């Protein structure tokens, strides 16, 4: 567990100036967009994985039903 505080929530010293508040808001927006992109990629990886499992299953079913 890191000893540093969570950077998503700015400290009062960081929001004391408008420039610092804007930087904190921009950092938070960037973090949220990265999180959304990572989540979207995770769903695509899951979809490809499940698709691949089905292809393997269909090939195995074909092999078993056509075995002599």
PDB file of N, CA and C in Angstrom:
ATOM      1  N   UNK A   1       0.849  -1.165   0.000  1.00  0.00           N
ATOM      2  CA  UNK A   1       0.000   0.000   0.000  1.00  0.00           C
ATOM      3  C   UNK A   1       0.899   1.233   0.000  1.00  0.00           C
ATOM      4  N   UNK A   2       0.762   2.100  -0.979  1.00  0.00           N
ATOM      5  CA  UNK A   2       1.635   3.274  -1.005  1.00  0.00           C
ATOM      6  C   UNK A   2       1.284   4.257   0.111  1.00  0.00           C
ATOM      7  N   UNK A   3       2.312   4.967   0.541  1.00  0.00           N
ATOM      8  CA  UNK A   3       2.115   5.951   1.594  1.00  0.00           C
ATOM      9  C   UNK A   3       1.607   7.287   1.063  1.00  0.00           C
ATOM     10  N   UNK A   4       1.625   7.457  -0.256  1.00  0.00           N
ATOM     11  CA  UNK A   4       1.167   8.716  -0.836  1.00  0.00           C
ATOM     12  C   UNK A   4      -0.349   8.718  -0.930  1.00  0.00           C
ATOM     13  N   UNK A   5      -0.975   9.882  -0.783  1.00  0.00           N
ATOM     14  CA  UNK A   5      -2.444   9.933  -0.888  1.00  0.00           C
ATOM     15  C   UNK A   5      -2.894   9.734  -2.326  1.00  0.00           C
ATOM     16  N   UNK A   6      -4.154   9.413  -2.486  1.00  0.00           N
ATOM     17  CA  UNK A   6      -4.739   9.224  -3.808  1.00  0.00           C
ATOM     18  C   UNK A   6      -4.693  10.548  -4.572  1.00  0.00           C
ATOM     19  N   UNK A   7      -4.167  10.521  -5.781  1.00  0.00           N
ATOM     20  CA  UNK A   7      -4.010  11.754  -6.557  1.00  0.00           C
ATOM     21  C   UNK A   7      -5.300  12.155  -7.270  1.00  0.00           C
ATOM     22  N   UNK A   8      -6.334  11.343  -7.212  1.00  0.00           N
ATOM     23  CA  UNK A   8      -7.595  11.696  -7.875  1.00  0.00           C
ATOM     24  C   UNK A   8      -8.311  12.817  -7.126  1.00  0.00           C
ATOM     25  N   UNK A   9      -8.087  12.914  -5.829  1.00  0.00           N
ATOM     26  CA  UNK A   9      -8.721  13.969  -5.043  1.00  0.00           C
ATOM     27  C   UNK A   9      -7.666  14.999  -4.669  1.00  0.00           C
ATOM     28  N   UNK A  10      -7.762  16.206  -5.194  1.00  0.00           N
ATOM     29  CA  UNK A  10      -6.741  17.209  -4.907  1.00  0.00           C
ATOM     30  C   UNK A  10      -6.821  17.709  -3.464  1.00  0.00           C
ATOM     31  N   UNK A  11      -5.674  18.086  -2.948  1.00  0.00           N
ATOM     32  CA  UNK A  11      -5.615  18.635  -1.597  1.00  0.00           C
ATOM     33  C   UNK A  11      -6.075  20.092  -1.634  1.00  0.00           C
ATOM     34  N   UNK A  12      -6.434  20.676  -0.487  1.00  0.00           N
ATOM     35  CA  UNK A  12      -6.855  22.077  -0.477  1.00  0.00           C
ATOM     36  C   UNK A  12      -5.762  23.019  -0.988  1.00  0.00           C
ATOM     37  N   UNK A  13      -4.497  22.690  -0.760  1.00  0.00           N
ATOM     38  CA  UNK A  13      -3.416  23.537  -1.258  1.00  0.00           C
ATOM     39  C   UNK A  13      -3.356  23.523  -2.782  1.00  0.00           C
ATOM     40  N   UNK A  14      -3.719  22.391  -3.386  1.00  0.00           N
ATOM     41  CA  UNK A  14      -3.690  22.300  -4.844  1.00  0.00           C
ATOM     42  C   UNK A  14      -4.830  23.082  -5.482  1.00  0.00           C
ATOM     43  N   UNK A  15      -5.924  23.249  -4.795  1.00  0.00           N
ATOM     44  CA  UNK A  15      -7.070  23.951  -5.374  1.00  0.00           C
ATOM     45  C   UNK A  15      -7.149  25.403  -4.919  1.00  0.00           C
ATOM     46  N   UNK A  16      -6.072  25.893  -4.284  1.00  0.00           N
ATOM     47  CA  UNK A  16      -6.114  27.264  -3.793  1.00  0.00           C
ATOM     48  C   UNK A  16      -6.008  28.272  -4.924  1.00  0.00           C
ATOM     49  N   UNK A  17      -5.415  27.894  -6.042  1.00  0.00           N
ATOM     50  CA  UNK A  17      -5.331  28.801  -7.183  1.00  0.00           C
ATOM     51  C   UNK A  17      -6.160  28.222  -8.328  1.00  0.00           C
ATOM     52  N   UNK A  18      -6.656  29.087  -9.181  1.00  0.00           N
ATOM     53  CA  UNK A  18      -7.459  28.587 -10.315  1.00  0.00           C
ATOM     54  C   UNK A  18      -6.645  27.691 -11.242  1.00  0.00           C
ATOM     55  N   UNK A  19      -5.350  28.006 -11.406  1.00  0.00           N
ATOM     56  CA  UNK A  19      -4.507  27.199 -12.280  1.00  0.00           C
ATOM     57  C   UNK A  19      -4.349  25.781 -11.721  1.00  0.00           C
ATOM     58  N   UNK A  20      -4.153  25.686 -10.426  1.00  0.00           N
ATOM     59  CA  UNK A  20      -4.000  24.375  -9.799  1.00  0.00           C
ATOM     60  C   UNK A  20      -5.312  23.597  -9.863  1.00  0.00           C
ATOM     61  N   UNK A  21      -6.419  24.278  -9.684  1.00  0.00           N
ATOM     62  CA  UNK A  21      -7.717  23.612  -9.766  1.00  0.00           C
ATOM     63  C   UNK A  21      -7.960  23.102 -11.186  1.00  0.00           C
ATOM     64  N   UNK A  22      -7.558  23.879 -12.175  1.00  0.00           N
ATOM     65  CA  UNK A  22      -7.724  23.452 -13.562  1.00  0.00           C
ATOM     66  C   UNK A  22      -6.853  22.244 -13.861  1.00  0.00           C
ATOM     67  N   UNK A  23      -5.617  22.253 -13.325  1.00  0.00           N
ATOM     68  CA  UNK A  23      -4.737  21.101 -13.519  1.00  0.00           C
ATOM     69  C   UNK A  23      -5.315  19.856 -12.861  1.00  0.00           C
ATOM     70  N   UNK A  24      -5.877  20.014 -11.668  1.00  0.00           N
ATOM     71  CA  UNK A  24      -6.462  18.871 -10.964  1.00  0.00           C
ATOM     72  C   UNK A  24      -7.673  18.336 -11.727  1.00  0.00           C
ATOM     73  N   UNK A  25      -8.481  19.232 -12.262  1.00  0.00           N
ATOM     74  CA  UNK A  25      -9.655  18.802 -13.032  1.00  0.00           C
ATOM     75  C   UNK A  25      -9.221  18.106 -14.316  1.00  0.00           C
ATOM     76  N   UNK A  26      -8.166  18.622 -14.955  1.00  0.00           N
ATOM     77  CA  UNK A  26      -7.677  17.997 -16.183  1.00  0.00           C
ATOM     78  C   UNK A  26      -7.092  16.618 -15.891  1.00  0.00           C
ATOM     79  N   UNK A  27      -6.385  16.497 -14.776  1.00  0.00           N
ATOM     80  CA  UNK A  27      -5.815  15.205 -14.404  1.00  0.00           C
ATOM     81  C   UNK A  27      -6.918  14.202 -14.109  1.00  0.00           C
ATOM     82  N   UNK A  28      -7.965  14.649 -13.448  1.00  0.00           N
ATOM     83  CA  UNK A  28      -9.077  13.756 -13.141  1.00  0.00           C
ATOM     84  C   UNK A  28      -9.801  13.331 -14.415  1.00  0.00           C
ATOM     85  N   UNK A  29      -9.987  14.266 -15.344  1.00  0.00           N
ATOM     86  CA  UNK A  29     -10.631  13.926 -16.616  1.00  0.00           C
ATOM     87  C   UNK A  29      -9.776  12.939 -17.400  1.00  0.00           C
ATOM     88  N   UNK A  30      -8.465  13.123 -17.375  1.00  0.00           N
ATOM     89  CA  UNK A  30      -7.568  12.204 -18.074  1.00  0.00           C
ATOM     90  C   UNK A  30      -7.645  10.812 -17.448  1.00  0.00           C
ATOM     91  N   UNK A  31      -7.654  10.743 -16.118  1.00  0.00           N
ATOM     92  CA  UNK A  31      -7.731   9.455 -15.430  1.00  0.00           C
ATOM     93  C   UNK A  31      -9.034   8.735 -15.772  1.00  0.00           C
ATOM     94  N   UNK A  32     -10.144   9.481 -15.809  1.00  0.00           N
ATOM     95  CA  UNK A  32     -11.425   8.856 -16.149  1.00  0.00           C
ATOM     96  C   UNK A  32     -11.435   8.345 -17.585  1.00  0.00           C
ATOM     97  N   UNK A  33     -10.854   9.110 -18.521  1.00  0.00           N
ATOM     98  CA  UNK A  33     -10.828   8.658 -19.913  1.00  0.00           C
ATOM     99  C   UNK A  33      -9.952   7.423 -20.062  1.00  0.00           C
ATOM    100  N   UNK A  34      -8.833   7.377 -19.344  1.00  0.00           N
ATOM    101  CA  UNK A  34      -7.979   6.185 -19.371  1.00  0.00           C
ATOM    102  C   UNK A  34      -8.713   4.979 -18.793  1.00  0.00           C
ATOM    103  N   UNK A  35      -9.467   5.198 -17.728  1.00  0.00           N
ATOM    104  CA  UNK A  35     -10.219   4.109 -17.111  1.00  0.00           C
ATOM    105  C   UNK A  35     -11.277   3.583 -18.071  1.00  0.00           C
ATOM    106  N   UNK A  36     -11.969   4.471 -18.763  1.00  0.00           N
ATOM    107  CA  UNK A  36     -12.984   4.050 -19.726  1.00  0.00           C
ATOM    108  C   UNK A  36     -12.355   3.275 -20.874  1.00  0.00           C
ATOM    109  N   UNK A  37     -11.204   3.750 -21.346  1.00  0.00           N
ATOM    110  CA  UNK A  37     -10.525   3.069 -22.447  1.00  0.00           C
ATOM    111  C   UNK A  37     -10.053   1.683 -22.006  1.00  0.00           C
ATOM    112  N   UNK A  38      -9.516   1.580 -20.811  1.00  0.00           N
ATOM    113  CA  UNK A  38      -9.062   0.287 -20.300  1.00  0.00           C
ATOM    114  C   UNK A  38     -10.233  -0.675 -20.148  1.00  0.00           C
ATOM    115  N   UNK A  39     -11.361  -0.158 -19.673  1.00  0.00           N
ATOM    116  CA  UNK A  39     -12.538  -1.010 -19.521  1.00  0.00           C
ATOM    117  C   UNK A  39     -13.046  -1.482 -20.871  1.00  0.00           C
ATOM    118  N   UNK A  40     -13.045  -0.594 -21.857  1.00  0.00           N
ATOM    119  CA  UNK A  40     -13.483  -0.965 -23.196  1.00  0.00           C
ATOM    120  C   UNK A  40     -12.568  -2.047 -23.778  1.00  0.00           C
ATOM    121  N   UNK A  41     -11.255  -1.895 -23.589  1.00  0.00           N
ATOM    122  CA  UNK A  41     -10.323  -2.914 -24.073  1.00  0.00           C
ATOM    123  C   UNK A  41     -10.549  -4.253 -23.374  1.00  0.00           C
ATOM    124  N   UNK A  42     -10.828  -4.195 -22.085  1.00  0.00           N
ATOM    125  CA  UNK A  42     -11.081  -5.429 -21.347  1.00  0.00           C
ATOM    126  C   UNK A  42     -12.274  -6.175 -21.931  1.00  0.00           C
ATOM    127  N   UNK A  43     -13.339  -5.450 -22.279  1.00  0.00           N
ATOM    128  CA  UNK A  43     -14.508  -6.121 -22.867  1.00  0.00           C
ATOM    129  C   UNK A  43     -14.181  -6.723 -24.228  1.00  0.00           C
ATOM    130  N   UNK A  44     -13.359  -6.032 -25.030  1.00  0.00           N
ATOM    131  CA  UNK A  44     -12.963  -6.588 -26.325  1.00  0.00           C
ATOM    132  C   UNK A  44     -12.127  -7.848 -26.137  1.00  0.00           C
ATOM    133  N   UNK A  45     -11.182  -7.835 -25.189  1.00  0.00           N
ATOM    134  CA  UNK A  45     -10.378  -9.030 -24.923  1.00  0.00           C
ATOM    135  C   UNK A  45     -11.265 -10.185 -24.479  1.00  0.00           C
ATOM    136  N   UNK A  46     -12.234  -9.915 -23.638  1.00  0.00           N
ATOM    137  CA  UNK A  46     -13.156 -10.951 -23.194  1.00  0.00           C
ATOM    138  C   UNK A  46     -13.962 -11.506 -24.367  1.00  0.00           C
ATOM    139  N   UNK A  47     -14.419 -10.629 -25.249  1.00  0.00           N
ATOM    140  CA  UNK A  47     -15.197 -11.066 -26.410  1.00  0.00           C
ATOM    141  C   UNK A  47     -14.359 -11.966 -27.315  1.00  0.00           C
ATOM    142  N   UNK A  48     -13.118 -11.562 -27.589  1.00  0.00           N
ATOM    143  CA  UNK A  48     -12.244 -12.394 -28.426  1.00  0.00           C
ATOM    144  C   UNK A  48     -11.967 -13.738 -27.764  1.00  0.00           C
ATOM    145  N   UNK A  49     -11.734 -13.734 -26.462  1.00  0.00           N
ATOM    146  CA  UNK A  49     -11.479 -14.976 -25.734  1.00  0.00           C
ATOM    147  C   UNK A  49     -12.673 -15.920 -25.826  1.00  0.00           C
ATOM    148  N   UNK A  50     -13.871 -15.399 -25.567  1.00  0.00           N
ATOM    149  CA  UNK A  50     -15.063 -16.250 -25.627  1.00  0.00           C
ATOM    150  C   UNK A  50     -15.325 -16.745 -27.048  1.00  0.00           C
ATOM    151  N   UNK A  51     -15.084 -15.905 -28.037  1.00  0.00           N
ATOM    152  CA  UNK A  51     -15.237 -16.320 -29.428  1.00  0.00           C
ATOM    153  C   UNK A  51     -14.271 -17.464 -29.741  1.00  0.00           C
ATOM    154  N   UNK A  52     -13.037 -17.326 -29.293  1.00  0.00           N
ATOM    155  CA  UNK A  52     -12.038 -18.364 -29.527  1.00  0.00           C
ATOM    156  C   UNK A  52     -12.404 -19.678 -28.863  1.00  0.00           C
ATOM    157  N   UNK A  53     -12.928 -19.612 -27.653  1.00  0.00           N
ATOM    158  CA  UNK A  53     -13.350 -20.833 -26.956  1.00  0.00           C
ATOM    159  C   UNK A  53     -14.454 -21.536 -27.747  1.00  0.00           C
ATOM    160  N   UNK A  54     -15.367 -20.781 -28.315  1.00  0.00           N
ATOM    161  CA  UNK A  54     -16.448 -21.391 -29.087  1.00  0.00           C
ATOM    162  C   UNK A  54     -15.907 -22.038 -30.365  1.00  0.00           C
ATOM    163  N   UNK A  55     -14.972 -21.403 -31.010  1.00  0.00           N
ATOM    164  CA  UNK A  55     -14.376 -21.999 -32.215  1.00  0.00           C
ATOM    165  C   UNK A  55     -13.709 -23.326 -31.863  1.00  0.00           C
ATOM    166  N   UNK A  56     -12.935 -23.328 -30.780  1.00  0.00           N
ATOM    167  CA  UNK A  56     -12.278 -24.565 -30.345  1.00  0.00           C
ATOM    168  C   UNK A  56     -13.320 -25.625 -30.012  1.00  0.00           C
ATOM    169  N   UNK A  57     -14.384 -25.250 -29.343  1.00  0.00           N
ATOM    170  CA  UNK A  57     -15.429 -26.221 -28.991  1.00  0.00           C
ATOM    171  C   UNK A  57     -16.089 -26.789 -30.241  1.00  0.00           C
ATOM    172  N   UNK A  58     -16.380 -25.956 -31.230  1.00  0.00           N
ATOM    173  CA  UNK A  58     -17.003 -26.454 -32.457  1.00  0.00           C
ATOM    174  C   UNK A  58     -16.070 -27.392 -33.207  1.00  0.00           C
ATOM    175  N   UNK A  59     -14.792 -27.087 -33.235  1.00  0.00           N
ATOM    176  CA  UNK A  59     -13.824 -27.980 -33.889  1.00  0.00           C
ATOM    177  C   UNK A  59     -13.760 -29.305 -33.148  1.00  0.00           C
ATOM    178  N   UNK A  60     -13.768 -29.276 -31.842  1.00  0.00           N
ATOM    179  CA  UNK A  60     -13.735 -30.530 -31.071  1.00  0.00           C
ATOM    180  C   UNK A  60     -15.009 -31.346 -31.286  1.00  0.00           C
ATOM    181  N   UNK A  61     -16.154 -30.676 -31.314  1.00  0.00           N
ATOM    182  CA  UNK A  61     -17.414 -31.388 -31.579  1.00  0.00           C
ATOM    183  C   UNK A  61     -17.380 -32.016 -32.950  1.00  0.00           C
ATOM    184  N   UNK A  62     -16.889 -31.293 -33.938  1.00  0.00           N
ATOM    185  CA  UNK A  62     -16.766 -31.840 -35.299  1.00  0.00           C
ATOM    186  C   UNK A  62     -15.849 -33.044 -35.317  1.00  0.00           C
ATOM    187  N   UNK A  63     -14.717 -32.953 -34.601  1.00  0.00           N
ATOM    188  CA  UNK A  63     -13.758 -34.054 -34.578  1.00  0.00           C
ATOM    189  C   UNK A  63     -14.352 -35.291 -33.919  1.00  0.00           C
ATOM    190  N   UNK A  64     -15.083 -35.109 -32.846  1.00  0.00           N
ATOM    191  CA  UNK A  64     -15.666 -36.255 -32.131  1.00  0.00           C
ATOM    192  C   UNK A  64     -16.777 -36.889 -32.958  1.00  0.00           C
ATOM    193  N   UNK A  65     -17.602 -36.093 -33.600  1.00  0.00           N
ATOM    194  CA  UNK A  65     -18.710 -36.664 -34.364  1.00  0.00           C
ATOM    195  C   UNK A  65     -18.262 -37.321 -35.670  1.00  0.00           C
ATOM    196  N   UNK A  66     -17.099 -36.936 -36.172  1.00  0.00           N
ATOM    197  CA  UNK A  66     -16.610 -37.518 -37.421  1.00  0.00           C
ATOM    198  C   UNK A  66     -15.482 -38.522 -37.219  1.00  0.00           C
ATOM    199  N   UNK A  67     -15.218 -38.889 -35.997  1.00  0.00           N
ATOM    200  CA  UNK A  67     -14.163 -39.877 -35.720  1.00  0.00           C
ATOM    201  C   UNK A  67     -14.679 -41.265 -36.072  1.00  0.00           C
ATOM    202  N   UNK A  68     -13.767 -42.092 -36.492  1.00  0.00           N
ATOM    203  CA  UNK A  68     -14.175 -43.470 -36.874  1.00  0.00           C
ATOM    204  C   UNK A  68     -13.806 -44.453 -35.814  1.00  0.00           C
TER     205      UNK A  68
END
